[in-house]
Amino acid sequence: MNTHNPDPYMTARQICEERQISQNSFYRYKKHGLIPEGEAAGLRGKRWKKSVVDAAFASMQNHKR
């Protein structure tokens, strides 16, 4: 049985670590609509699917060119 999730949910901290950005940058991108709102996780938490985050950062790279 394969329990590996090919599209895991990530926290803001995990995204920042993977992308090597500060949390301030992450939330600034989110404020400007470059990163979509996350999905609710618990009472106050948010999570983002890795594929959604990857697409958002790819879109940001395409706009820089």
PDB file of N, CA and C in Angstrom:
ATOM      1  N   MET A   1       0.842  -1.179   0.000  1.00  0.00           N
ATOM      2  CA  MET A   1       0.000   0.000   0.000  1.00  0.00           C
ATOM      3  C   MET A   1       0.887   1.242   0.000  1.00  0.00           C
ATOM      4  N   ASN A   2       0.627   2.160  -0.892  1.00  0.00           N
ATOM      5  CA  ASN A   2       1.410   3.383  -1.013  1.00  0.00           C
ATOM      6  C   ASN A   2       0.724   4.496  -0.226  1.00  0.00           C
ATOM      7  N   THR A   3       1.376   4.974   0.839  1.00  0.00           N
ATOM      8  CA  THR A   3       0.782   6.027   1.661  1.00  0.00           C
ATOM      9  C   THR A   3       1.396   7.385   1.370  1.00  0.00           C
ATOM     10  N   HIS A   4       2.300   7.465   0.401  1.00  0.00           N
ATOM     11  CA  HIS A   4       2.932   8.735   0.043  1.00  0.00           C
ATOM     12  C   HIS A   4       1.921   9.616  -0.690  1.00  0.00           C
ATOM     13  N   ASN A   5       1.754  10.829  -0.191  1.00  0.00           N
ATOM     14  CA  ASN A   5       0.823  11.761  -0.818  1.00  0.00           C
ATOM     15  C   ASN A   5       1.581  12.580  -1.861  1.00  0.00           C
ATOM     16  N   PRO A   6       1.243  12.455  -3.138  1.00  0.00           N
ATOM     17  CA  PRO A   6       1.971  13.184  -4.171  1.00  0.00           C
ATOM     18  C   PRO A   6       1.714  14.699  -4.144  1.00  0.00           C
ATOM     19  N   ASP A   7       0.669  15.133  -3.477  1.00  0.00           N
ATOM     20  CA  ASP A   7       0.338  16.556  -3.402  1.00  0.00           C
ATOM     21  C   ASP A   7       0.015  16.911  -1.941  1.00  0.00           C
ATOM     22  N   PRO A   8       1.048  16.967  -1.099  1.00  0.00           N
ATOM     23  CA  PRO A   8       0.810  17.191   0.329  1.00  0.00           C
ATOM     24  C   PRO A   8       0.372  18.623   0.634  1.00  0.00           C
ATOM     25  N   TYR A   9      -0.267  18.771   1.772  1.00  0.00           N
ATOM     26  CA  TYR A   9      -0.585  20.098   2.287  1.00  0.00           C
ATOM     27  C   TYR A   9       0.635  20.623   3.032  1.00  0.00           C
ATOM     28  N   MET A  10       0.883  21.930   2.907  1.00  0.00           N
ATOM     29  CA  MET A  10       2.046  22.550   3.537  1.00  0.00           C
ATOM     30  C   MET A  10       1.616  23.734   4.385  1.00  0.00           C
ATOM     31  N   THR A  11       2.353  23.971   5.460  1.00  0.00           N
ATOM     32  CA  THR A  11       2.129  25.160   6.280  1.00  0.00           C
ATOM     33  C   THR A  11       2.910  26.318   5.665  1.00  0.00           C
ATOM     34  N   ALA A  12       2.603  27.531   6.125  1.00  0.00           N
ATOM     35  CA  ALA A  12       3.347  28.705   5.657  1.00  0.00           C
ATOM     36  C   ALA A  12       4.830  28.546   5.973  1.00  0.00           C
ATOM     37  N   ARG A  13       5.135  28.039   7.146  1.00  0.00           N
ATOM     38  CA  ARG A  13       6.538  27.842   7.537  1.00  0.00           C
ATOM     39  C   ARG A  13       7.247  26.872   6.600  1.00  0.00           C
ATOM     40  N   GLN A  14       6.586  25.776   6.254  1.00  0.00           N
ATOM     41  CA  GLN A  14       7.188  24.798   5.344  1.00  0.00           C
ATOM     42  C   GLN A  14       7.425  25.404   3.967  1.00  0.00           C
ATOM     43  N   ILE A  15       6.474  26.199   3.503  1.00  0.00           N
ATOM     44  CA  ILE A  15       6.609  26.855   2.199  1.00  0.00           C
ATOM     45  C   ILE A  15       7.799  27.808   2.224  1.00  0.00           C
ATOM     46  N   CYS A  16       7.910  28.584   3.295  1.00  0.00           N
ATOM     47  CA  CYS A  16       9.021  29.535   3.417  1.00  0.00           C
ATOM     48  C   CYS A  16      10.365  28.811   3.439  1.00  0.00           C
ATOM     49  N   GLU A  17      10.433  27.711   4.147  1.00  0.00           N
ATOM     50  CA  GLU A  17      11.675  26.940   4.195  1.00  0.00           C
ATOM     51  C   GLU A  17      12.020  26.384   2.826  1.00  0.00           C
ATOM     52  N   GLU A  18      11.032  25.810   2.141  1.00  0.00           N
ATOM     53  CA  GLU A  18      11.281  25.212   0.834  1.00  0.00           C
ATOM     54  C   GLU A  18      11.685  26.264  -0.189  1.00  0.00           C
ATOM     55  N   ARG A  19      11.031  27.416  -0.161  1.00  0.00           N
ATOM     56  CA  ARG A  19      11.276  28.481  -1.150  1.00  0.00           C
ATOM     57  C   ARG A  19      12.371  29.457  -0.730  1.00  0.00           C
ATOM     58  N   GLN A  20      12.862  29.287   0.483  1.00  0.00           N
ATOM     59  CA  GLN A  20      13.896  30.144   1.052  1.00  0.00           C
ATOM     60  C   GLN A  20      13.492  31.622   1.003  1.00  0.00           C
ATOM     61  N   ILE A  21      12.296  31.876   1.528  1.00  0.00           N
ATOM     62  CA  ILE A  21      11.798  33.241   1.648  1.00  0.00           C
ATOM     63  C   ILE A  21      11.397  33.468   3.105  1.00  0.00           C
ATOM     64  N   SER A  22      11.286  34.723   3.487  1.00  0.00           N
ATOM     65  CA  SER A  22      10.847  35.034   4.846  1.00  0.00           C
ATOM     66  C   SER A  22       9.334  34.893   4.940  1.00  0.00           C
ATOM     67  N   GLN A  23       8.844  34.769   6.167  1.00  0.00           N
ATOM     68  CA  GLN A  23       7.400  34.710   6.350  1.00  0.00           C
ATOM     69  C   GLN A  23       6.769  36.048   5.975  1.00  0.00           C
ATOM     70  N   ASN A  24       7.491  37.158   6.200  1.00  0.00           N
ATOM     71  CA  ASN A  24       6.972  38.464   5.784  1.00  0.00           C
ATOM     72  C   ASN A  24       6.737  38.489   4.275  1.00  0.00           C
ATOM     73  N   SER A  25       7.686  37.959   3.506  1.00  0.00           N
ATOM     74  CA  SER A  25       7.524  37.913   2.050  1.00  0.00           C
ATOM     75  C   SER A  25       6.332  37.047   1.670  1.00  0.00           C
ATOM     76  N   PHE A  26       6.208  35.894   2.315  1.00  0.00           N
ATOM     77  CA  PHE A  26       5.091  34.988   2.014  1.00  0.00           C
ATOM     78  C   PHE A  26       3.756  35.705   2.209  1.00  0.00           C
ATOM     79  N   TYR A  27       3.588  36.357   3.363  1.00  0.00           N
ATOM     80  CA  TYR A  27       2.313  37.011   3.646  1.00  0.00           C
ATOM     81  C   TYR A  27       2.106  38.261   2.785  1.00  0.00           C
ATOM     82  N   ARG A  28       3.175  38.909   2.356  1.00  0.00           N
ATOM     83  CA  ARG A  28       3.053  40.031   1.423  1.00  0.00           C
ATOM     84  C   ARG A  28       2.551  39.523   0.071  1.00  0.00           C
ATOM     85  N   TYR A  29       3.110  38.401  -0.399  1.00  0.00           N
ATOM     86  CA  TYR A  29       2.632  37.801  -1.652  1.00  0.00           C
ATOM     87  C   TYR A  29       1.158  37.436  -1.543  1.00  0.00           C
ATOM     88  N   LYS A  30       0.791  36.878  -0.392  1.00  0.00           N
ATOM     89  CA  LYS A  30      -0.605  36.491  -0.181  1.00  0.00           C
ATOM     90  C   LYS A  30      -1.510  37.719  -0.169  1.00  0.00           C
ATOM     91  N   LYS A  31      -1.081  38.782   0.492  1.00  0.00           N
ATOM     92  CA  LYS A  31      -1.860  40.026   0.570  1.00  0.00           C
ATOM     93  C   LYS A  31      -2.117  40.604  -0.818  1.00  0.00           C
ATOM     94  N   HIS A  32      -1.133  40.479  -1.700  1.00  0.00           N
ATOM     95  CA  HIS A  32      -1.258  41.030  -3.053  1.00  0.00           C
ATOM     96  C   HIS A  32      -1.905  40.049  -4.031  1.00  0.00           C
ATOM     97  N   GLY A  33      -2.387  38.924  -3.528  1.00  0.00           N
ATOM     98  CA  GLY A  33      -3.101  37.964  -4.361  1.00  0.00           C
ATOM     99  C   GLY A  33      -2.208  37.076  -5.212  1.00  0.00           C
ATOM    100  N   LEU A  34      -0.905  37.077  -4.947  1.00  0.00           N
ATOM    101  CA  LEU A  34       0.003  36.234  -5.722  1.00  0.00           C
ATOM    102  C   LEU A  34      -0.026  34.788  -5.246  1.00  0.00           C
ATOM    103  N   ILE A  35      -0.388  34.605  -3.996  1.00  0.00           N
ATOM    104  CA  ILE A  35      -0.585  33.272  -3.421  1.00  0.00           C
ATOM    105  C   ILE A  35      -2.028  33.213  -2.945  1.00  0.00           C
ATOM    106  N   PRO A  36      -2.774  32.184  -3.331  1.00  0.00           N
ATOM    107  CA  PRO A  36      -4.188  32.115  -2.940  1.00  0.00           C
ATOM    108  C   PRO A  36      -4.354  31.864  -1.444  1.00  0.00           C
ATOM    109  N   GLU A  37      -5.539  32.126  -0.960  1.00  0.00           N
ATOM    110  CA  GLU A  37      -5.870  31.806   0.432  1.00  0.00           C
ATOM    111  C   GLU A  37      -5.718  30.306   0.637  1.00  0.00           C
ATOM    112  N   GLY A  38      -5.209  29.934   1.773  1.00  0.00           N
ATOM    113  CA  GLY A  38      -5.060  28.519   2.090  1.00  0.00           C
ATOM    114  C   GLY A  38      -6.384  27.915   2.527  1.00  0.00           C
ATOM    115  N   GLU A  39      -6.357  26.622   2.699  1.00  0.00           N
ATOM    116  CA  GLU A  39      -7.541  25.906   3.179  1.00  0.00           C
ATOM    117  C   GLU A  39      -7.477  25.817   4.698  1.00  0.00           C
ATOM    118  N   ALA A  40      -8.615  25.962   5.328  1.00  0.00           N
ATOM    119  CA  ALA A  40      -8.676  25.928   6.789  1.00  0.00           C
ATOM    120  C   ALA A  40      -8.182  24.585   7.319  1.00  0.00           C
ATOM    121  N   ALA A  41      -7.383  24.692   8.389  1.00  0.00           N
ATOM    122  CA  ALA A  41      -6.873  23.495   9.067  1.00  0.00           C
ATOM    123  C   ALA A  41      -6.909  23.779  10.557  1.00  0.00           C
ATOM    124  N   GLY A  42      -7.902  23.271  11.223  1.00  0.00           N
ATOM    125  CA  GLY A  42      -8.057  23.567  12.638  1.00  0.00           C
ATOM    126  C   GLY A  42      -8.782  24.889  12.826  1.00  0.00           C
ATOM    127  N   LEU A  43      -8.664  25.445  14.013  1.00  0.00           N
ATOM    128  CA  LEU A  43      -9.391  26.677  14.319  1.00  0.00           C
ATOM    129  C   LEU A  43      -8.800  27.898  13.636  1.00  0.00           C
ATOM    130  N   ARG A  44      -7.472  28.007  13.613  1.00  0.00           N
ATOM    131  CA  ARG A  44      -6.858  29.205  13.053  1.00  0.00           C
ATOM    132  C   ARG A  44      -5.834  28.917  11.961  1.00  0.00           C
ATOM    133  N   GLY A  45      -5.511  27.663  11.749  1.00  0.00           N
ATOM    134  CA  GLY A  45      -4.462  27.319  10.805  1.00  0.00           C
ATOM    135  C   GLY A  45      -4.915  27.325   9.356  1.00  0.00           C
ATOM    136  N   LYS A  46      -3.946  27.438   8.476  1.00  0.00           N
ATOM    137  CA  LYS A  46      -4.176  27.350   7.034  1.00  0.00           C
ATOM    138  C   LYS A  46      -3.142  26.398   6.464  1.00  0.00           C
ATOM    139  N   ARG A  47      -3.515  25.728   5.389  1.00  0.00           N
ATOM    140  CA  ARG A  47      -2.605  24.840   4.671  1.00  0.00           C
ATOM    141  C   ARG A  47      -2.800  25.076   3.182  1.00  0.00           C
ATOM    142  N   TRP A  48      -1.722  24.868   2.428  1.00  0.00           N
ATOM    143  CA  TRP A  48      -1.746  25.036   0.983  1.00  0.00           C
ATOM    144  C   TRP A  48      -1.262  23.752   0.346  1.00  0.00           C
ATOM    145  N   LYS A  49      -1.939  23.328  -0.726  1.00  0.00           N
ATOM    146  CA  LYS A  49      -1.468  22.165  -1.470  1.00  0.00           C
ATOM    147  C   LYS A  49      -0.181  22.548  -2.179  1.00  0.00           C
ATOM    148  N   LYS A  50       0.770  21.633  -2.190  1.00  0.00           N
ATOM    149  CA  LYS A  50       2.060  21.899  -2.815  1.00  0.00           C
ATOM    150  C   LYS A  50       1.890  22.297  -4.275  1.00  0.00           C
ATOM    151  N   SER A  51       0.989  21.653  -4.991  1.00  0.00           N
ATOM    152  CA  SER A  51       0.795  21.972  -6.415  1.00  0.00           C
ATOM    153  C   SER A  51       0.298  23.406  -6.600  1.00  0.00           C
ATOM    154  N   VAL A  52      -0.533  23.894  -5.692  1.00  0.00           N
ATOM    155  CA  VAL A  52      -1.046  25.265  -5.771  1.00  0.00           C
ATOM    156  C   VAL A  52       0.087  26.258  -5.528  1.00  0.00           C
ATOM    157  N   VAL A  53       0.926  25.967  -4.545  1.00  0.00           N
ATOM    158  CA  VAL A  53       2.064  26.832  -4.232  1.00  0.00           C
ATOM    159  C   VAL A  53       3.049  26.849  -5.403  1.00  0.00           C
ATOM    160  N   ASP A  54       3.344  25.670  -5.947  1.00  0.00           N
ATOM    161  CA  ASP A  54       4.269  25.591  -7.081  1.00  0.00           C
ATOM    162  C   ASP A  54       3.747  26.400  -8.265  1.00  0.00           C
ATOM    163  N   ALA A  55       2.454  26.310  -8.539  1.00  0.00           N
ATOM    164  CA  ALA A  55       1.862  27.066  -9.649  1.00  0.00           C
ATOM    165  C   ALA A  55       1.916  28.569  -9.384  1.00  0.00           C
ATOM    166  N   ALA A  56       1.683  28.989  -8.136  1.00  0.00           N
ATOM    167  CA  ALA A  56       1.724  30.414  -7.798  1.00  0.00           C
ATOM    168  C   ALA A  56       3.129  30.973  -7.996  1.00  0.00           C
ATOM    169  N   PHE A  57       4.141  30.252  -7.551  1.00  0.00           N
ATOM    170  CA  PHE A  57       5.514  30.735  -7.713  1.00  0.00           C
ATOM    171  C   PHE A  57       5.945  30.687  -9.173  1.00  0.00           C
ATOM    172  N   ALA A  58       5.487  29.717  -9.928  1.00  0.00           N
ATOM    173  CA  ALA A  58       5.788  29.660 -11.357  1.00  0.00           C
ATOM    174  C   ALA A  58       5.175  30.862 -12.066  1.00  0.00           C
ATOM    175  N   SER A  59       3.968  31.217 -11.678  1.00  0.00           N
ATOM    176  CA  SER A  59       3.296  32.377 -12.259  1.00  0.00           C
ATOM    177  C   SER A  59       4.060  33.661 -11.943  1.00  0.00           C
ATOM    178  N   MET A  60       4.570  33.774 -10.709  1.00  0.00           N
ATOM    179  CA  MET A  60       5.356  34.951 -10.333  1.00  0.00           C
ATOM    180  C   MET A  60       6.624  35.036 -11.178  1.00  0.00           C
ATOM    181  N   GLN A  61       7.251  33.904 -11.434  1.00  0.00           N
ATOM    182  CA  GLN A  61       8.471  33.883 -12.253  1.00  0.00           C
ATOM    183  C   GLN A  61       8.169  34.311 -13.680  1.00  0.00           C
ATOM    184  N   ASN A  62       7.023  33.881 -14.215  1.00  0.00           N
ATOM    185  CA  ASN A  62       6.641  34.242 -15.586  1.00  0.00           C
ATOM    186  C   ASN A  62       6.358  35.732 -15.710  1.00  0.00           C
ATOM    187  N   HIS A  63       5.848  36.360 -14.652  1.00  0.00           N
ATOM    188  CA  HIS A  63       5.548  37.793 -14.698  1.00  0.00           C
ATOM    189  C   HIS A  63       6.798  38.632 -14.620  1.00  0.00           C
ATOM    190  N   LYS A  64       7.884  38.080 -14.051  1.00  0.00           N
ATOM    191  CA  LYS A  64       9.140  38.829 -13.948  1.00  0.00           C
ATOM    192  C   LYS A  64       9.845  38.957 -15.288  1.00  0.00           C
ATOM    193  N   ARG A  65       9.550  38.046 -16.192  1.00  0.00           N
ATOM    194  CA  ARG A  65      10.253  38.028 -17.485  1.00  0.00           C
ATOM    195  C   ARG A  65       9.730  39.055 -18.427  1.00  0.00           C
TER     196      ARG A  65
END
